C-alpha atoms as a PDB file:
ATOM      1  CA  UNK A   1       7.505 -93.154  81.307  1.00  0.00           C
ATOM      2  CA  UNK A   2      11.050 -94.472  81.461  1.00  0.00           C
ATOM      3  CA  UNK A   3      13.360 -93.772  78.577  1.00  0.00           C
ATOM      4  CA  UNK A   4      16.990 -94.317  77.838  1.00  0.00           C
ATOM      5  CA  UNK A   5      19.341 -97.208  77.172  1.00  0.00           C
ATOM      6  CA  UNK A   6      17.493 -99.674  79.422  1.00  0.00           C
ATOM      7  CA  UNK A   7      14.208 -99.211  77.595  1.00  0.00           C
ATOM      8  CA  UNK A   8      15.920 -99.392  74.209  1.00  0.00           C
ATOM      9  CA  UNK A   9      17.659-102.620  75.188  1.00  0.00           C
ATOM     10  CA  UNK A  10      14.373-104.141  76.334  1.00  0.00           C
ATOM     11  CA  UNK A  11      12.706-103.233  73.051  1.00  0.00           C
ATOM     12  CA  UNK A  12      15.611-104.756  71.144  1.00  0.00           C
ATOM     13  CA  UNK A  13      15.342-108.010  73.099  1.00  0.00           C
ATOM     14  CA  UNK A  14      11.601-108.110  72.495  1.00  0.00           C
ATOM     15  CA  UNK A  15      12.029-107.628  68.759  1.00  0.00           C
ATOM     16  CA  UNK A  16      14.744-110.295  68.650  1.00  0.00           C
ATOM     17  CA  UNK A  17      12.445-112.729  70.463  1.00  0.00           C
ATOM     18  CA  UNK A  18       9.593-111.908  68.080  1.00  0.00           C
ATOM     19  CA  UNK A  19      11.794-112.484  65.055  1.00  0.00           C
ATOM     20  CA  UNK A  20      13.074-115.762  66.509  1.00  0.00           C
ATOM     21  CA  UNK A  21       9.527-116.993  67.115  1.00  0.00           C
ATOM     22  CA  UNK A  22       8.490-116.182  63.551  1.00  0.00           C
ATOM     23  CA  UNK A  23      11.553-118.017  62.210  1.00  0.00           C
ATOM     24  CA  UNK A  24      10.809-121.072  64.354  1.00  0.00           C
ATOM     25  CA  UNK A  25       7.155-121.448  63.409  1.00  0.00           C
ATOM     26  CA  UNK A  26       7.205-120.499  59.718  1.00  0.00           C
ATOM     27  CA  UNK A  27       8.625-123.793  58.422  1.00  0.00           C
ATOM     28  CA  UNK A  28       5.540-125.819  59.287  1.00  0.00           C
ATOM     29  CA  UNK A  29       3.236-123.278  57.644  1.00  0.00           C
ATOM     30  CA  UNK A  30       5.326-123.025  54.479  1.00  0.00           C
ATOM     31  CA  UNK A  31       5.655-126.805  54.213  1.00  0.00           C
ATOM     32  CA  UNK A  32       1.895-127.253  54.554  1.00  0.00           C
ATOM     33  CA  UNK A  33       0.661-124.315  52.485  1.00  0.00           C
ATOM     34  CA  UNK A  34       3.594-123.323  50.285  1.00  0.00           C
ATOM     35  CA  UNK A  35       5.251-119.918  50.194  1.00  0.00           C
ATOM     36  CA  UNK A  36       2.702-118.528  47.746  1.00  0.00           C
ATOM     37  CA  UNK A  37      -0.239-120.299  49.380  1.00  0.00           C
ATOM     38  CA  UNK A  38       0.526-119.308  52.965  1.00  0.00           C
ATOM     39  CA  UNK A  39      -0.941-116.023  54.132  1.00  0.00           C
ATOM     40  CA  UNK A  40       0.723-113.520  56.421  1.00  0.00           C
ATOM     41  CA  UNK A  41      -2.213-114.070  58.757  1.00  0.00           C
ATOM     42  CA  UNK A  42      -1.480-117.801  58.961  1.00  0.00           C
ATOM     43  CA  UNK A  43       2.194-117.158  59.644  1.00  0.00           C
ATOM     44  CA  UNK A  44       1.294-114.687  62.393  1.00  0.00           C
ATOM     45  CA  UNK A  45      -1.270-117.045  63.927  1.00  0.00           C
ATOM     46  CA  UNK A  46       1.281-119.865  64.086  1.00  0.00           C
ATOM     47  CA  UNK A  47       3.689-117.570  65.941  1.00  0.00           C
ATOM     48  CA  UNK A  48       1.013-115.928  68.088  1.00  0.00           C
ATOM     49  CA  UNK A  49       1.689-112.402  66.818  1.00  0.00           C
ATOM     50  CA  UNK A  50      -0.072-109.641  64.923  1.00  0.00           C
ATOM     51  CA  UNK A  51       0.543-108.628  61.322  1.00  0.00           C
ATOM     52  CA  UNK A  52       2.340-105.592  62.688  1.00  0.00           C
ATOM     53  CA  UNK A  53       4.894-107.846  64.366  1.00  0.00           C
ATOM     54  CA  UNK A  54       5.446-109.594  61.052  1.00  0.00           C
ATOM     55  CA  UNK A  55       6.023-106.448  59.024  1.00  0.00           C
ATOM     56  CA  UNK A  56       8.271-104.903  61.651  1.00  0.00           C
ATOM     57  CA  UNK A  57      10.670-107.809  61.053  1.00  0.00           C
ATOM     58  CA  UNK A  58      10.184-108.916  57.445  1.00  0.00           C
ATOM     59  CA  UNK A  59       9.282-107.209  54.187  1.00  0.00           C
ATOM     60  CA  UNK A  60       7.499-110.208  52.684  1.00  0.00           C
ATOM     61  CA  UNK A  61       6.806-113.929  52.994  1.00  0.00           C
ATOM     62  CA  UNK A  62       9.801-114.647  50.775  1.00  0.00           C
ATOM     63  CA  UNK A  63      11.978-112.483  53.008  1.00  0.00           C
ATOM     64  CA  UNK A  64      10.866-114.562  56.008  1.00  0.00           C
ATOM     65  CA  UNK A  65      11.403-117.847  54.142  1.00  0.00           C
ATOM     66  CA  UNK A  66      14.949-116.889  53.161  1.00  0.00           C
ATOM     67  CA  UNK A  67      15.841-115.663  56.658  1.00  0.00           C
ATOM     68  CA  UNK A  68      14.374-118.835  58.137  1.00  0.00           C
ATOM     69  CA  UNK A  69      16.336-121.074  55.792  1.00  0.00           C
ATOM     70  CA  UNK A  70      19.572-119.143  56.355  1.00  0.00           C
ATOM     71  CA  UNK A  71      19.115-119.517  60.104  1.00  0.00           C
ATOM     72  CA  UNK A  72      18.440-123.232  59.687  1.00  0.00           C
ATOM     73  CA  UNK A  73      21.553-123.803  57.558  1.00  0.00           C
ATOM     74  CA  UNK A  74      23.716-121.959  60.101  1.00  0.00           C
ATOM     75  CA  UNK A  75      22.348-124.138  62.900  1.00  0.00           C
ATOM     76  CA  UNK A  76      22.939-127.351  60.952  1.00  0.00           C
ATOM     77  CA  UNK A  77      26.527-126.420  60.096  1.00  0.00           C
ATOM     78  CA  UNK A  78      27.245-125.418  63.696  1.00  0.00           C
ATOM     79  CA  UNK A  79      25.700-128.624  65.017  1.00  0.00           C
ATOM     80  CA  UNK A  80      27.741-130.720  62.587  1.00  0.00           C
ATOM     81  CA  UNK A  81      30.956-129.171  63.838  1.00  0.00           C
ATOM     82  CA  UNK A  82      30.008-130.015  67.415  1.00  0.00           C
ATOM     83  CA  UNK A  83      28.903-133.595  66.712  1.00  0.00           C
ATOM     84  CA  UNK A  84      31.542-134.767  64.259  1.00  0.00           C
ATOM     85  CA  UNK A  85      34.342-135.326  66.753  1.00  0.00           C
ATOM     86  CA  UNK A  86      31.999-137.322  68.947  1.00  0.00           C
ATOM     87  CA  UNK A  87      31.049-139.553  66.017  1.00  0.00           C
ATOM     88  CA  UNK A  88      34.685-140.051  65.062  1.00  0.00           C
ATOM     89  CA  UNK A  89      35.696-141.111  68.569  1.00  0.00           C
ATOM     90  CA  UNK A  90      32.676-143.377  69.137  1.00  0.00           C
ATOM     91  CA  UNK A  91      34.112-146.198  67.049  1.00  0.00           C
ATOM     92  CA  UNK A  92      31.720-145.822  64.103  1.00  0.00           C
ATOM     93  CA  UNK A  93      32.973-146.779  60.648  1.00  0.00           C
ATOM     94  CA  UNK A  94      33.774-144.069  58.116  1.00  0.00           C
ATOM     95  CA  UNK A  95      30.684-145.068  56.134  1.00  0.00           C
ATOM     96  CA  UNK A  96      28.453-144.696  59.196  1.00  0.00           C
ATOM     97  CA  UNK A  97      29.910-141.271  59.952  1.00  0.00           C
ATOM     98  CA  UNK A  98      29.309-140.142  56.360  1.00  0.00           C
ATOM     99  CA  UNK A  99      25.650-141.158  56.639  1.00  0.00           C
ATOM    100  CA  UNK A 100      25.361-139.220  59.910  1.00  0.00           C
ATOM    101  CA  UNK A 101      26.940-136.165  58.293  1.00  0.00           C
ATOM    102  CA  UNK A 102      24.345-136.199  55.527  1.00  0.00           C
ATOM    103  CA  UNK A 103      21.503-136.886  57.928  1.00  0.00           C
ATOM    104  CA  UNK A 104      22.669-134.017  60.117  1.00  0.00           C
ATOM    105  CA  UNK A 105      22.766-131.551  57.242  1.00  0.00           C
ATOM    106  CA  UNK A 106      19.369-132.736  56.036  1.00  0.00           C
ATOM    107  CA  UNK A 107      17.917-132.456  59.556  1.00  0.00           C
ATOM    108  CA  UNK A 108      17.273-136.206  59.548  1.00  0.00           C
ATOM    109  CA  UNK A 109      15.229-138.009  56.934  1.00  0.00           C
ATOM    110  CA  UNK A 110      12.342-138.672  59.285  1.00  0.00           C
ATOM    111  CA  UNK A 111      11.469-134.962  59.077  1.00  0.00           C
ATOM    112  CA  UNK A 112      10.860-133.796  55.509  1.00  0.00           C
ATOM    113  CA  UNK A 113       9.522-130.381  56.533  1.00  0.00           C
ATOM    114  CA  UNK A 114      12.736-128.503  55.813  1.00  0.00           C
ATOM    115  CA  UNK A 115      13.293-130.326  52.552  1.00  0.00           C
ATOM    116  CA  UNK A 116       9.781-129.318  51.486  1.00  0.00           C
ATOM    117  CA  UNK A 117      10.506-125.695  52.390  1.00  0.00           C
ATOM    118  CA  UNK A 118      13.731-125.787  50.386  1.00  0.00           C
ATOM    119  CA  UNK A 119      11.860-127.136  47.368  1.00  0.00           C
ATOM    120  CA  UNK A 120       9.429-124.243  47.753  1.00  0.00           C
ATOM    121  CA  UNK A 121      12.353-121.818  47.762  1.00  0.00           C
ATOM    122  CA  UNK A 122      13.841-123.474  44.681  1.00  0.00           C
ATOM    123  CA  UNK A 123      10.558-122.907  42.848  1.00  0.00           C
ATOM    124  CA  UNK A 124      10.648-119.270  43.933  1.00  0.00           C
ATOM    125  CA  UNK A 125      14.263-119.023  42.744  1.00  0.00           C
ATOM    126  CA  UNK A 126      13.220-119.941  39.204  1.00  0.00           C
ATOM    127  CA  UNK A 127      11.409-116.629  39.020  1.00  0.00           C
ATOM    128  CA  UNK A 128      13.769-114.520  41.131  1.00  0.00           C
ATOM    129  CA  UNK A 129      17.504-114.079  40.463  1.00  0.00           C
ATOM    130  CA  UNK A 130      17.864-112.497  43.918  1.00  0.00           C
ATOM    131  CA  UNK A 131      16.435-115.575  45.638  1.00  0.00           C
ATOM    132  CA  UNK A 132      18.549-117.810  43.418  1.00  0.00           C
ATOM    133  CA  UNK A 133      21.698-115.981  44.503  1.00  0.00           C
ATOM    134  CA  UNK A 134      20.846-116.331  48.193  1.00  0.00           C
ATOM    135  CA  UNK A 135      20.126-120.052  47.848  1.00  0.00           C
ATOM    136  CA  UNK A 136      23.400-120.558  45.987  1.00  0.00           C
ATOM    137  CA  UNK A 137      25.216-119.060  48.958  1.00  0.00           C
ATOM    138  CA  UNK A 138      23.443-121.451  51.329  1.00  0.00           C
ATOM    139  CA  UNK A 139      24.311-124.374  49.084  1.00  0.00           C
ATOM    140  CA  UNK A 140      27.970-123.338  49.064  1.00  0.00           C
ATOM    141  CA  UNK A 141      27.936-123.219  52.869  1.00  0.00           C
ATOM    142  CA  UNK A 142      26.582-126.773  53.020  1.00  0.00           C
ATOM    143  CA  UNK A 143      29.151-128.020  50.508  1.00  0.00           C
ATOM    144  CA  UNK A 144      31.958-126.370  52.491  1.00  0.00           C
ATOM    145  CA  UNK A 145      30.696-127.998  55.689  1.00  0.00           C
ATOM    146  CA  UNK A 146      30.602-131.430  54.044  1.00  0.00           C
ATOM    147  CA  UNK A 147      34.074-130.907  52.540  1.00  0.00           C
ATOM    148  CA  UNK A 148      35.496-130.097  55.968  1.00  0.00           C
ATOM    149  CA  UNK A 149      33.714-133.055  57.557  1.00  0.00           C
ATOM    150  CA  UNK A 150      34.749-135.561  54.874  1.00  0.00           C
ATOM    151  CA  UNK A 151      38.336-134.351  55.095  1.00  0.00           C
ATOM    152  CA  UNK A 152      38.369-134.934  58.850  1.00  0.00           C
ATOM    153  CA  UNK A 153      36.887-138.411  58.404  1.00  0.00           C
ATOM    154  CA  UNK A 154      39.472-139.308  55.763  1.00  0.00           C
ATOM    155  CA  UNK A 155      42.365-138.056  57.876  1.00  0.00           C
ATOM    156  CA  UNK A 156      41.157-139.992  60.902  1.00  0.00           C
ATOM    157  CA  UNK A 157      40.754-143.170  58.826  1.00  0.00           C
ATOM    158  CA  UNK A 158      43.969-142.554  56.831  1.00  0.00           C
ATOM    159  CA  UNK A 159      42.151-142.497  53.514  1.00  0.00           C
ATOM    160  CA  UNK A 160      42.711-140.488  50.363  1.00  0.00           C
ATOM    161  CA  UNK A 161      40.178-139.222  47.850  1.00  0.00           C
ATOM    162  CA  UNK A 162      40.285-140.367  44.221  1.00  0.00           C
ATOM    163  CA  UNK A 163      38.270-137.304  43.146  1.00  0.00           C
ATOM    164  CA  UNK A 164      38.257-133.724  44.335  1.00  0.00           C
ATOM    165  CA  UNK A 165      36.719-133.736  47.791  1.00  0.00           C
ATOM    166  CA  UNK A 166      34.366-130.877  46.829  1.00  0.00           C
ATOM    167  CA  UNK A 167      33.063-132.972  43.926  1.00  0.00           C
ATOM    168  CA  UNK A 168      32.492-135.900  46.280  1.00  0.00           C
ATOM    169  CA  UNK A 169      30.634-133.608  48.687  1.00  0.00           C
ATOM    170  CA  UNK A 170      28.358-132.418  45.877  1.00  0.00           C
ATOM    171  CA  UNK A 171      27.725-135.985  44.727  1.00  0.00           C
ATOM    172  CA  UNK A 172      26.742-137.069  48.215  1.00  0.00           C
ATOM    173  CA  UNK A 173      24.467-134.075  48.756  1.00  0.00           C
ATOM    174  CA  UNK A 174      22.825-134.516  45.342  1.00  0.00           C
ATOM    175  CA  UNK A 175      22.238-138.212  45.984  1.00  0.00           C
ATOM    176  CA  UNK A 176      20.778-137.454  49.372  1.00  0.00           C
ATOM    177  CA  UNK A 177      18.536-134.743  47.927  1.00  0.00           C
ATOM    178  CA  UNK A 178      17.205-137.278  45.438  1.00  0.00           C
ATOM    179  CA  UNK A 179      16.533-139.750  48.228  1.00  0.00           C
ATOM    180  CA  UNK A 180      14.620-137.114  50.184  1.00  0.00           C
ATOM    181  CA  UNK A 181      12.552-136.332  47.085  1.00  0.00           C
ATOM    182  CA  UNK A 182      11.718-140.027  46.839  1.00  0.00           C
ATOM    183  CA  UNK A 183      10.761-140.059  50.495  1.00  0.00           C
ATOM    184  CA  UNK A 184       8.367-137.169  49.926  1.00  0.00           C
ATOM    185  CA  UNK A 185       6.785-139.094  47.049  1.00  0.00           C
ATOM    186  CA  UNK A 186       6.759-142.551  48.636  1.00  0.00           C
ATOM    187  CA  UNK A 187       6.151-141.652  52.267  1.00  0.00           C
ATOM    188  CA  UNK A 188       8.000-143.002  55.316  1.00  0.00           C
ATOM    189  CA  UNK A 189       7.660-146.587  54.068  1.00  0.00           C
ATOM    190  CA  UNK A 190       9.804-145.858  50.995  1.00  0.00           C
ATOM    191  CA  UNK A 191      13.223-147.367  50.354  1.00  0.00           C
ATOM    192  CA  UNK A 192      16.086-146.626  52.732  1.00  0.00           C
ATOM    193  CA  UNK A 193      17.318-143.243  51.599  1.00  0.00           C
ATOM    194  CA  UNK A 194      20.917-143.360  52.679  1.00  0.00           C
ATOM    195  CA  UNK A 195      21.923-146.826  51.430  1.00  0.00           C
ATOM    196  CA  UNK A 196      23.810-145.319  48.499  1.00  0.00           C
ATOM    197  CA  UNK A 197      25.970-142.896  50.481  1.00  0.00           C
ATOM    198  CA  UNK A 198      28.353-145.559  51.861  1.00  0.00           C
ATOM    199  CA  UNK A 199      28.780-147.027  48.367  1.00  0.00           C
ATOM    200  CA  UNK A 200      29.685-143.609  46.950  1.00  0.00           C
ATOM    201  CA  UNK A 201      32.159-143.031  49.783  1.00  0.00           C
ATOM    202  CA  UNK A 202      33.816-146.408  49.206  1.00  0.00           C
ATOM    203  CA  UNK A 203      33.945-145.852  45.442  1.00  0.00           C
ATOM    204  CA  UNK A 204      35.916-142.625  45.744  1.00  0.00           C
ATOM    205  CA  UNK A 205      38.271-143.256  48.674  1.00  0.00           C
ATOM    206  CA  UNK A 206      41.292-145.517  49.049  1.00  0.00           C
ATOM    207  CA  UNK A 207      43.651-146.360  51.944  1.00  0.00           C
ATOM    208  CA  UNK A 208      46.437-143.773  51.808  1.00  0.00           C
ATOM    209  CA  UNK A 209      49.101-146.354  52.735  1.00  0.00           C
ATOM    210  CA  UNK A 210      48.474-148.245  49.507  1.00  0.00           C
ATOM    211  CA  UNK A 211      50.674-145.957  47.421  1.00  0.00           C
ATOM    212  CA  UNK A 212      52.282-143.656  49.955  1.00  0.00           C
ATOM    213  CA  UNK A 213      49.931-140.803  49.186  1.00  0.00           C
ATOM    214  CA  UNK A 214      49.897-138.284  52.057  1.00  0.00           C
ATOM    215  CA  UNK A 215      46.835-138.270  54.323  1.00  0.00           C
ATOM    216  CA  UNK A 216      43.731-136.756  52.782  1.00  0.00           C
ATOM    217  CA  UNK A 217      43.281-133.021  52.977  1.00  0.00           C
ATOM    218  CA  UNK A 218      41.083-130.337  51.561  1.00  0.00           C
ATOM    219  CA  UNK A 219      41.883-129.651  47.927  1.00  0.00           C
END
């Protein structure tokens, strides 16, 4: 039997791949069954692994749900950073870019799976201060990403904010969350969920040349 660094590295890669697979398949199970309702067996079946593979990577279903959501948020933020410059140089209006920013961070409104999972985690957070703290950190990361993106849009369009940019980011995210909730209730035929975002953007930005205010920046 071979031993040594090569074998250890192979085992590490295998465990990483197992963890990745569990993270990728858990969202659908949690969205369908709920965090409490889903069984470890169902989560393992969706990933094609044994219960042993589950418990070698996660302590509980909640542990998996939090790791999965953290991974998802990191991917969304990274993707936003890559896509934003392309949107800005494609000739889209500031309002269109803002809608794309929100859609990107919500993983597009046509897919409510992740929003459903987040609602499940919020319910769990009501009963667990530890979960609440983790979710607050994820929320802060999303707000920071939107702040950075809105600031870049405003600079490119030579606009200034009439409120703190972080407050505007929270308003936009809260409005979008509400629209996604409505979509869950009404189904895909519900009202257009991002119609309000451009109006909010226009209400709280002004051309910076109007009064000589310096170009918008993060506050």
